[in-house]
Amino acid sequence: MKKIWIIGASSGIGFELLKLWLKQDYLIIASSTSIESNPKALELLEENRTKLTLVNIDVTCENSISKAFSENEDFLNSVNTFFYNAGVYEISNSHNIQINDYEKMINVNYLGFVRILSNALPYLRKDNYTKRVVVNGSLASFFGLPNAGAYGASKAALLSFAQSMQPELIKQNIQLQIINHGFVKTRLTAKNQFSMPQVMDSKIAAIIINKKVASPYTFEIKFPFILSNFLQLLSLLPYKLSLAITKKMLN
């Protein structure tokens, strides 16, 4: 039976994936900072006590991660997939440079995954069966966009780290996969005060991710098509053109 540990499962895409995977009869540990007291998660637990375990994890705290892992070693010894979905987001621009926001996004969006991966690797290496580690990135990692300097930087760091680690991990039968998606309606994107192109519901995003993760392995999953290709093209253009385009986004 497939065993998945999902970190960042209390709302949005993570919660929708949790519901989908329970319907597929996976054994799941679902984590977030306070998921053990989350009303929606507790309701799911009541309905799925043989398949679901709730475990609090603060991804910014090494002791919290170590404690959660040490208390669930039986699950970890036969885990198939880790899914890292923890994330924070604050609008950032030249008029509002809040260092605490930058530190928080780097600490959760990037270093949080590094901490989880470093603790998970000893278990993922225990046998020769192929394992999967999936991390939720963002299309914002492709090119620096206005009002997203802190968030985009944290996701760009995450993408670069994943690119660096993939060749090593694939030799160890560990498939590292990153999901770069566009705007999804969540409590995070609700902070945006601009029109979000190709924005989608979190349920739809979860269905796409579920289908792609279950497909034959590829390093990157990216969607939606138009926005992802536009931002990738933006990263290939000379700066004279690409920065002229992003300047117009401020109007």
C-alpha atoms as a PDB file:
ATOM      1  CA  MET A   1       0.000   0.000   0.000  1.00  0.00           C
ATOM      2  CA  LYS A   2       1.260   3.465  -0.865  1.00  0.00           C
ATOM      3  CA  LYS A   3       2.415   5.570   2.072  1.00  0.00           C
ATOM      4  CA  ILE A   4       2.641   9.349   1.733  1.00  0.00           C
ATOM      5  CA  TRP A   5       3.807  11.986   4.201  1.00  0.00           C
ATOM      6  CA  ILE A   6       2.496  15.414   3.215  1.00  0.00           C
ATOM      7  CA  ILE A   7       3.828  18.527   4.941  1.00  0.00           C
ATOM      8  CA  GLY A   8       1.585  21.573   4.565  1.00  0.00           C
ATOM      9  CA  ALA A   9      -1.777  19.803   4.537  1.00  0.00           C
ATOM     10  CA  SER A  10      -4.068  22.035   6.585  1.00  0.00           C
ATOM     11  CA  SER A  11      -5.528  24.143   3.744  1.00  0.00           C
ATOM     12  CA  GLY A  12      -5.428  24.940   0.032  1.00  0.00           C
ATOM     13  CA  ILE A  13      -3.729  22.518  -2.349  1.00  0.00           C
ATOM     14  CA  GLY A  14      -2.344  20.387   0.476  1.00  0.00           C
ATOM     15  CA  PHE A  15      -5.751  19.774   2.033  1.00  0.00           C
ATOM     16  CA  GLU A  16      -7.348  19.008  -1.343  1.00  0.00           C
ATOM     17  CA  LEU A  17      -4.575  16.509  -2.125  1.00  0.00           C
ATOM     18  CA  LEU A  18      -5.069  14.926   1.277  1.00  0.00           C
ATOM     19  CA  LYS A  19      -8.743  14.323   0.509  1.00  0.00           C
ATOM     20  CA  LEU A  20      -7.936  12.895  -2.925  1.00  0.00           C
ATOM     21  CA  TRP A  21      -5.301  10.515  -1.575  1.00  0.00           C
ATOM     22  CA  LEU A  22      -7.577   9.262   1.196  1.00  0.00           C
ATOM     23  CA  LYS A  23     -10.139   8.365  -1.473  1.00  0.00           C
ATOM     24  CA  GLN A  24      -7.392   6.348  -3.160  1.00  0.00           C
ATOM     25  CA  ASP A  25      -6.865   4.421   0.105  1.00  0.00           C
ATOM     26  CA  TYR A  26      -3.308   5.607   0.699  1.00  0.00           C
ATOM     27  CA  LEU A  27      -1.844   5.517   4.185  1.00  0.00           C
ATOM     28  CA  ILE A  28      -1.022   9.127   5.023  1.00  0.00           C
ATOM     29  CA  ILE A  29       0.690  11.235   7.629  1.00  0.00           C
ATOM     30  CA  ALA A  30      -0.503  14.810   7.260  1.00  0.00           C
ATOM     31  CA  SER A  31       1.459  17.622   8.857  1.00  0.00           C
ATOM     32  CA  SER A  32       1.415  21.346   9.416  1.00  0.00           C
ATOM     33  CA  THR A  33       2.336  23.579  12.329  1.00  0.00           C
ATOM     34  CA  SER A  34      -0.911  22.911  14.203  1.00  0.00           C
ATOM     35  CA  ILE A  35      -2.760  20.259  12.200  1.00  0.00           C
ATOM     36  CA  GLU A  36      -3.558  18.188  15.300  1.00  0.00           C
ATOM     37  CA  SER A  37      -6.024  20.887  16.349  1.00  0.00           C
ATOM     38  CA  ASN A  38      -7.249  21.867  12.871  1.00  0.00           C
ATOM     39  CA  PRO A  39     -11.073  21.356  12.727  1.00  0.00           C
ATOM     40  CA  LYS A  40     -11.134  20.305   9.060  1.00  0.00           C
ATOM     41  CA  ALA A  41      -8.257  17.862   9.543  1.00  0.00           C
ATOM     42  CA  LEU A  42      -9.845  16.417  12.679  1.00  0.00           C
ATOM     43  CA  GLU A  43     -13.048  15.813  10.739  1.00  0.00           C
ATOM     44  CA  LEU A  44     -11.088  13.903   8.101  1.00  0.00           C
ATOM     45  CA  LEU A  45      -9.310  11.956  10.822  1.00  0.00           C
ATOM     46  CA  GLU A  46     -12.616  10.886  12.348  1.00  0.00           C
ATOM     47  CA  GLU A  47     -13.692   9.506   8.972  1.00  0.00           C
ATOM     48  CA  ASN A  48     -10.338   7.855   8.127  1.00  0.00           C
ATOM     49  CA  ARG A  49      -8.772   6.622  11.373  1.00  0.00           C
ATOM     50  CA  THR A  50      -7.222   3.530   9.751  1.00  0.00           C
ATOM     51  CA  LYS A  51      -5.583   5.551   6.970  1.00  0.00           C
ATOM     52  CA  LEU A  52      -4.699   8.963   8.400  1.00  0.00           C
ATOM     53  CA  THR A  53      -2.369  10.235  11.117  1.00  0.00           C
ATOM     54  CA  LEU A  54      -2.013  13.901  12.033  1.00  0.00           C
ATOM     55  CA  VAL A  55       1.416  15.086  13.163  1.00  0.00           C
ATOM     56  CA  ASN A  56       2.361  18.658  14.052  1.00  0.00           C
ATOM     57  CA  ILE A  57       5.601  19.857  12.421  1.00  0.00           C
ATOM     58  CA  ASP A  58       7.181  23.283  12.467  1.00  0.00           C
ATOM     59  CA  VAL A  59       9.447  23.209   9.401  1.00  0.00           C
ATOM     60  CA  THR A  60      11.488  26.125  10.764  1.00  0.00           C
ATOM     61  CA  CYS A  61      12.514  24.061  13.818  1.00  0.00           C
ATOM     62  CA  GLU A  62      14.970  21.167  13.530  1.00  0.00           C
ATOM     63  CA  ASN A  63      13.859  19.744  16.898  1.00  0.00           C
ATOM     64  CA  SER A  64      10.218  19.689  15.797  1.00  0.00           C
ATOM     65  CA  ILE A  65      11.088  17.728  12.647  1.00  0.00           C
ATOM     66  CA  SER A  66      13.388  15.299  14.464  1.00  0.00           C
ATOM     67  CA  LYS A  67      10.742  14.627  17.118  1.00  0.00           C
ATOM     68  CA  ALA A  68       8.018  13.982  14.531  1.00  0.00           C
ATOM     69  CA  PHE A  69      10.252  11.604  12.580  1.00  0.00           C
ATOM     70  CA  SER A  70      11.509   9.687  15.606  1.00  0.00           C
ATOM     71  CA  GLU A  71       7.917   9.139  16.802  1.00  0.00           C
ATOM     72  CA  ASN A  72       6.834   7.735  13.401  1.00  0.00           C
ATOM     73  CA  GLU A  73       9.733   5.499  12.397  1.00  0.00           C
ATOM     74  CA  ASP A  74       7.532   2.507  11.533  1.00  0.00           C
ATOM     75  CA  PHE A  75       5.784   4.604   8.888  1.00  0.00           C
ATOM     76  CA  LEU A  76       9.074   6.089   7.666  1.00  0.00           C
ATOM     77  CA  ASN A  77      10.700   2.687   7.228  1.00  0.00           C
ATOM     78  CA  SER A  78       8.266   1.916   4.407  1.00  0.00           C
ATOM     79  CA  VAL A  79       7.303   5.389   3.165  1.00  0.00           C
ATOM     80  CA  ASN A  80       6.887   5.801  -0.608  1.00  0.00           C
ATOM     81  CA  THR A  81       6.460   9.550  -1.061  1.00  0.00           C
ATOM     82  CA  PHE A  82       7.220  12.812   0.704  1.00  0.00           C
ATOM     83  CA  PHE A  83       5.246  15.821  -0.485  1.00  0.00           C
ATOM     84  CA  TYR A  84       6.459  19.226   0.701  1.00  0.00           C
ATOM     85  CA  ASN A  85       3.729  21.835   0.421  1.00  0.00           C
ATOM     86  CA  ALA A  86       4.514  24.182   3.317  1.00  0.00           C
ATOM     87  CA  GLY A  87       4.655  27.807   2.222  1.00  0.00           C
ATOM     88  CA  VAL A  88       4.180  31.417   3.238  1.00  0.00           C
ATOM     89  CA  TYR A  89       3.655  34.510   1.132  1.00  0.00           C
ATOM     90  CA  GLU A  90       3.723  38.238   1.710  1.00  0.00           C
ATOM     91  CA  ILE A  91       3.604  41.013  -0.892  1.00  0.00           C
ATOM     92  CA  SER A  92       6.984  42.757  -1.143  1.00  0.00           C
ATOM     93  CA  ASN A  93       8.142  45.810  -3.081  1.00  0.00           C
ATOM     94  CA  SER A  94      10.485  48.782  -2.767  1.00  0.00           C
ATOM     95  CA  HIS A  95       7.935  50.641  -0.643  1.00  0.00           C
ATOM     96  CA  ASN A  96       7.562  47.786   1.808  1.00  0.00           C
ATOM     97  CA  ILE A  97      10.856  45.973   2.427  1.00  0.00           C
ATOM     98  CA  GLN A  98      10.163  44.054   5.603  1.00  0.00           C
ATOM     99  CA  ILE A  99      13.228  41.947   6.411  1.00  0.00           C
ATOM    100  CA  ASN A 100      11.161  39.690   8.668  1.00  0.00           C
ATOM    101  CA  ASP A 101       8.972  38.747   5.698  1.00  0.00           C
ATOM    102  CA  TYR A 102      12.003  37.901   3.567  1.00  0.00           C
ATOM    103  CA  GLU A 103      13.492  35.778   6.348  1.00  0.00           C
ATOM    104  CA  LYS A 104      10.174  33.992   6.954  1.00  0.00           C
ATOM    105  CA  MET A 105       9.718  33.072   3.291  1.00  0.00           C
ATOM    106  CA  ILE A 106      13.271  31.806   2.919  1.00  0.00           C
ATOM    107  CA  ASN A 107      12.957  29.892   6.187  1.00  0.00           C
ATOM    108  CA  VAL A 108       9.698  28.149   5.289  1.00  0.00           C
ATOM    109  CA  ASN A 109       9.568  27.982   1.492  1.00  0.00           C
ATOM    110  CA  TYR A 110      13.207  26.991   0.964  1.00  0.00           C
ATOM    111  CA  LEU A 111      15.070  26.015   4.142  1.00  0.00           C
ATOM    112  CA  GLY A 112      12.025  24.187   5.492  1.00  0.00           C
ATOM    113  CA  PHE A 113      12.275  21.761   2.591  1.00  0.00           C
ATOM    114  CA  VAL A 114      16.032  21.386   3.080  1.00  0.00           C
ATOM    115  CA  ARG A 115      15.421  20.453   6.733  1.00  0.00           C
ATOM    116  CA  ILE A 116      12.704  17.929   5.840  1.00  0.00           C
ATOM    117  CA  LEU A 117      14.796  16.353   3.088  1.00  0.00           C
ATOM    118  CA  SER A 118      17.901  16.023   5.282  1.00  0.00           C
ATOM    119  CA  ASN A 119      15.862  14.192   7.928  1.00  0.00           C
ATOM    120  CA  ALA A 120      14.026  12.033   5.386  1.00  0.00           C
ATOM    121  CA  LEU A 121      17.019  10.834   3.362  1.00  0.00           C
ATOM    122  CA  PRO A 122      18.237   8.157   5.806  1.00  0.00           C
ATOM    123  CA  TYR A 123      14.833   6.459   5.557  1.00  0.00           C
ATOM    124  CA  LEU A 124      14.535   6.933   1.803  1.00  0.00           C
ATOM    125  CA  ARG A 125      17.917   5.220   1.315  1.00  0.00           C
ATOM    126  CA  LYS A 126      17.074   2.146   3.416  1.00  0.00           C
ATOM    127  CA  ASP A 127      16.235  -0.161   0.530  1.00  0.00           C
ATOM    128  CA  ASN A 128      16.453  -0.299  -3.251  1.00  0.00           C
ATOM    129  CA  TYR A 129      12.806   0.513  -3.931  1.00  0.00           C
ATOM    130  CA  THR A 130      12.193   3.725  -5.848  1.00  0.00           C
ATOM    131  CA  LYS A 131      10.920   6.571  -3.656  1.00  0.00           C
ATOM    132  CA  ARG A 132       9.507   9.961  -4.621  1.00  0.00           C
ATOM    133  CA  VAL A 133      10.106  13.380  -3.042  1.00  0.00           C
ATOM    134  CA  VAL A 134       7.819  16.098  -4.397  1.00  0.00           C
ATOM    135  CA  VAL A 135       8.173  19.786  -3.563  1.00  0.00           C
ATOM    136  CA  ASN A 136       5.642  22.466  -4.414  1.00  0.00           C
ATOM    137  CA  GLY A 137       7.426  25.358  -6.101  1.00  0.00           C
ATOM    138  CA  SER A 138       6.040  28.215  -8.185  1.00  0.00           C
ATOM    139  CA  LEU A 139       6.203  29.759 -11.642  1.00  0.00           C
ATOM    140  CA  ALA A 140       7.465  32.825  -9.747  1.00  0.00           C
ATOM    141  CA  SER A 141      10.827  31.043  -9.656  1.00  0.00           C
ATOM    142  CA  PHE A 142      11.272  31.547 -13.410  1.00  0.00           C
ATOM    143  CA  PHE A 143      11.732  35.326 -13.407  1.00  0.00           C
ATOM    144  CA  GLY A 144      11.594  38.114 -10.831  1.00  0.00           C
ATOM    145  CA  LEU A 145       8.156  39.715 -10.880  1.00  0.00           C
ATOM    146  CA  PRO A 146       6.948  43.012  -9.370  1.00  0.00           C
ATOM    147  CA  ASN A 147       5.598  42.747  -5.809  1.00  0.00           C
ATOM    148  CA  ALA A 148       7.014  39.230  -5.448  1.00  0.00           C
ATOM    149  CA  GLY A 149      10.685  39.851  -4.696  1.00  0.00           C
ATOM    150  CA  ALA A 150      10.715  37.905  -1.421  1.00  0.00           C
ATOM    151  CA  TYR A 151       8.423  35.072  -2.506  1.00  0.00           C
ATOM    152  CA  GLY A 152      10.018  34.660  -5.932  1.00  0.00           C
ATOM    153  CA  ALA A 153      13.510  34.605  -4.422  1.00  0.00           C
ATOM    154  CA  SER A 154      12.550  31.848  -1.978  1.00  0.00           C
ATOM    155  CA  LYS A 155      11.023  29.744  -4.746  1.00  0.00           C
ATOM    156  CA  ALA A 156      13.977  30.380  -7.075  1.00  0.00           C
ATOM    157  CA  ALA A 157      16.285  29.112  -4.326  1.00  0.00           C
ATOM    158  CA  LEU A 158      14.057  26.047  -3.980  1.00  0.00           C
ATOM    159  CA  LEU A 159      14.200  25.365  -7.724  1.00  0.00           C
ATOM    160  CA  SER A 160      17.981  25.760  -7.850  1.00  0.00           C
ATOM    161  CA  PHE A 161      18.396  23.409  -4.880  1.00  0.00           C
ATOM    162  CA  ALA A 162      16.154  20.791  -6.500  1.00  0.00           C
ATOM    163  CA  GLN A 163      18.088  21.031  -9.779  1.00  0.00           C
ATOM    164  CA  SER A 164      21.349  20.540  -7.895  1.00  0.00           C
ATOM    165  CA  MET A 165      20.149  17.564  -5.857  1.00  0.00           C
ATOM    166  CA  GLN A 166      18.248  15.643  -8.544  1.00  0.00           C
ATOM    167  CA  PRO A 167      21.286  14.048 -10.302  1.00  0.00           C
ATOM    168  CA  GLU A 168      22.601  12.765  -6.967  1.00  0.00           C
ATOM    169  CA  LEU A 169      19.292  11.477  -5.659  1.00  0.00           C
ATOM    170  CA  ILE A 170      18.228   9.739  -8.864  1.00  0.00           C
ATOM    171  CA  LYS A 171      21.333   7.531  -8.522  1.00  0.00           C
ATOM    172  CA  GLN A 172      19.968   6.510  -5.117  1.00  0.00           C
ATOM    173  CA  ASN A 173      16.530   5.572  -6.507  1.00  0.00           C
ATOM    174  CA  ILE A 174      15.023   8.760  -5.086  1.00  0.00           C
ATOM    175  CA  GLN A 175      12.993  10.702  -7.639  1.00  0.00           C
ATOM    176  CA  LEU A 176      13.048  14.392  -6.741  1.00  0.00           C
ATOM    177  CA  GLN A 177      10.234  16.274  -8.446  1.00  0.00           C
ATOM    178  CA  ILE A 178       9.227  19.947  -8.385  1.00  0.00           C
ATOM    179  CA  ILE A 179       5.829  21.429  -9.189  1.00  0.00           C
ATOM    180  CA  ASN A 180       5.897  24.934 -10.645  1.00  0.00           C
ATOM    181  CA  HIS A 181       2.355  26.220 -10.910  1.00  0.00           C
ATOM    182  CA  GLY A 182       0.664  29.562 -11.381  1.00  0.00           C
ATOM    183  CA  PHE A 183      -1.991  31.378  -9.385  1.00  0.00           C
ATOM    184  CA  VAL A 184      -4.253  29.230  -7.217  1.00  0.00           C
ATOM    185  CA  LYS A 185      -7.087  30.536  -5.043  1.00  0.00           C
ATOM    186  CA  THR A 186      -5.831  30.060  -1.476  1.00  0.00           C
ATOM    187  CA  ARG A 187      -5.587  32.084   1.734  1.00  0.00           C
ATOM    188  CA  LEU A 188      -2.125  33.195   0.493  1.00  0.00           C
ATOM    189  CA  THR A 189      -3.130  34.536  -2.921  1.00  0.00           C
ATOM    190  CA  ALA A 190      -6.169  36.221  -1.334  1.00  0.00           C
ATOM    191  CA  LYS A 191      -3.667  38.908  -0.287  1.00  0.00           C
ATOM    192  CA  ASN A 192      -3.114  39.931  -3.915  1.00  0.00           C
ATOM    193  CA  GLN A 193      -4.831  43.117  -5.026  1.00  0.00           C
ATOM    194  CA  PHE A 194      -4.186  42.625  -8.745  1.00  0.00           C
ATOM    195  CA  SER A 195      -5.766  40.505 -11.440  1.00  0.00           C
ATOM    196  CA  MET A 196      -4.189  37.033 -11.431  1.00  0.00           C
ATOM    197  CA  PRO A 197      -3.954  35.538 -14.952  1.00  0.00           C
ATOM    198  CA  GLN A 198      -5.244  31.973 -15.356  1.00  0.00           C
ATOM    199  CA  VAL A 199      -6.046  31.720 -11.642  1.00  0.00           C
ATOM    200  CA  MET A 200      -7.573  28.354 -10.707  1.00  0.00           C
ATOM    201  CA  ASP A 201      -9.382  26.761  -7.802  1.00  0.00           C
ATOM    202  CA  SER A 202      -7.274  24.726  -5.356  1.00  0.00           C
ATOM    203  CA  LYS A 203      -9.393  21.631  -6.077  1.00  0.00           C
ATOM    204  CA  ILE A 204      -8.558  21.830  -9.787  1.00  0.00           C
ATOM    205  CA  ALA A 205      -4.856  22.359  -9.036  1.00  0.00           C
ATOM    206  CA  ALA A 206      -4.893  19.334  -6.723  1.00  0.00           C
ATOM    207  CA  ILE A 207      -6.508  17.153  -9.394  1.00  0.00           C
ATOM    208  CA  ILE A 208      -3.820  18.168 -11.904  1.00  0.00           C
ATOM    209  CA  ILE A 209      -1.021  17.536  -9.403  1.00  0.00           C
ATOM    210  CA  ASN A 210      -2.463  14.172  -8.359  1.00  0.00           C
ATOM    211  CA  LYS A 211      -2.632  13.040 -11.986  1.00  0.00           C
ATOM    212  CA  LYS A 212       0.874  14.290 -12.836  1.00  0.00           C
ATOM    213  CA  VAL A 213       2.516  12.811  -9.737  1.00  0.00           C
ATOM    214  CA  ALA A 214       0.951   9.433 -10.536  1.00  0.00           C
ATOM    215  CA  SER A 215       2.320   9.575 -14.118  1.00  0.00           C
ATOM    216  CA  PRO A 216       5.788   8.336 -15.185  1.00  0.00           C
ATOM    217  CA  TYR A 217       8.499  10.400 -13.530  1.00  0.00           C
ATOM    218  CA  THR A 218       9.592  13.779 -14.862  1.00  0.00           C
ATOM    219  CA  PHE A 219      11.652  16.281 -12.886  1.00  0.00           C
ATOM    220  CA  GLU A 220       9.267  19.196 -13.380  1.00  0.00           C
ATOM    221  CA  ILE A 221       5.504  19.540 -13.442  1.00  0.00           C
ATOM    222  CA  LYS A 222       4.369  22.965 -14.614  1.00  0.00           C
ATOM    223  CA  PHE A 223       0.994  24.521 -15.330  1.00  0.00           C
ATOM    224  CA  PRO A 224      -1.045  26.344 -16.569  1.00  0.00           C
ATOM    225  CA  PHE A 225       0.311  26.117 -20.104  1.00  0.00           C
ATOM    226  CA  ILE A 226       0.064  29.730 -21.293  1.00  0.00           C
ATOM    227  CA  LEU A 227       1.394  31.385 -18.140  1.00  0.00           C
ATOM    228  CA  SER A 228       4.213  28.886 -17.628  1.00  0.00           C
ATOM    229  CA  ASN A 229       5.429  29.260 -21.187  1.00  0.00           C
ATOM    230  CA  PHE A 230       5.162  33.061 -21.036  1.00  0.00           C
ATOM    231  CA  LEU A 231       7.328  33.227 -17.895  1.00  0.00           C
ATOM    232  CA  GLN A 232       9.820  30.747 -19.295  1.00  0.00           C
ATOM    233  CA  LEU A 233      10.103  32.856 -22.445  1.00  0.00           C
ATOM    234  CA  LEU A 234      10.540  35.943 -20.266  1.00  0.00           C
ATOM    235  CA  SER A 235      13.584  34.335 -18.646  1.00  0.00           C
ATOM    236  CA  LEU A 236      15.159  33.725 -22.062  1.00  0.00           C
ATOM    237  CA  LEU A 237      14.705  37.231 -23.449  1.00  0.00           C
ATOM    238  CA  PRO A 238      17.423  39.918 -23.220  1.00  0.00           C
ATOM    239  CA  TYR A 239      16.944  42.011 -20.076  1.00  0.00           C
ATOM    240  CA  LYS A 240      16.191  45.078 -22.189  1.00  0.00           C
ATOM    241  CA  LEU A 241      12.993  43.344 -23.311  1.00  0.00           C
ATOM    242  CA  SER A 242      12.087  41.259 -20.266  1.00  0.00           C
ATOM    243  CA  LEU A 243      12.443  44.119 -17.790  1.00  0.00           C
ATOM    244  CA  ALA A 244      10.465  46.415 -20.086  1.00  0.00           C
ATOM    245  CA  ILE A 245       7.658  43.872 -19.963  1.00  0.00           C
ATOM    246  CA  THR A 246       7.713  43.528 -16.173  1.00  0.00           C
ATOM    247  CA  LYS A 247       7.814  47.325 -15.852  1.00  0.00           C
ATOM    248  CA  LYS A 248       4.483  47.468 -17.674  1.00  0.00           C
ATOM    249  CA  MET A 249       3.048  45.116 -15.028  1.00  0.00           C
ATOM    250  CA  LEU A 250       3.333  47.976 -12.558  1.00  0.00           C
ATOM    251  CA  ASN A 251       0.927  50.165 -14.517  1.00  0.00           C
END
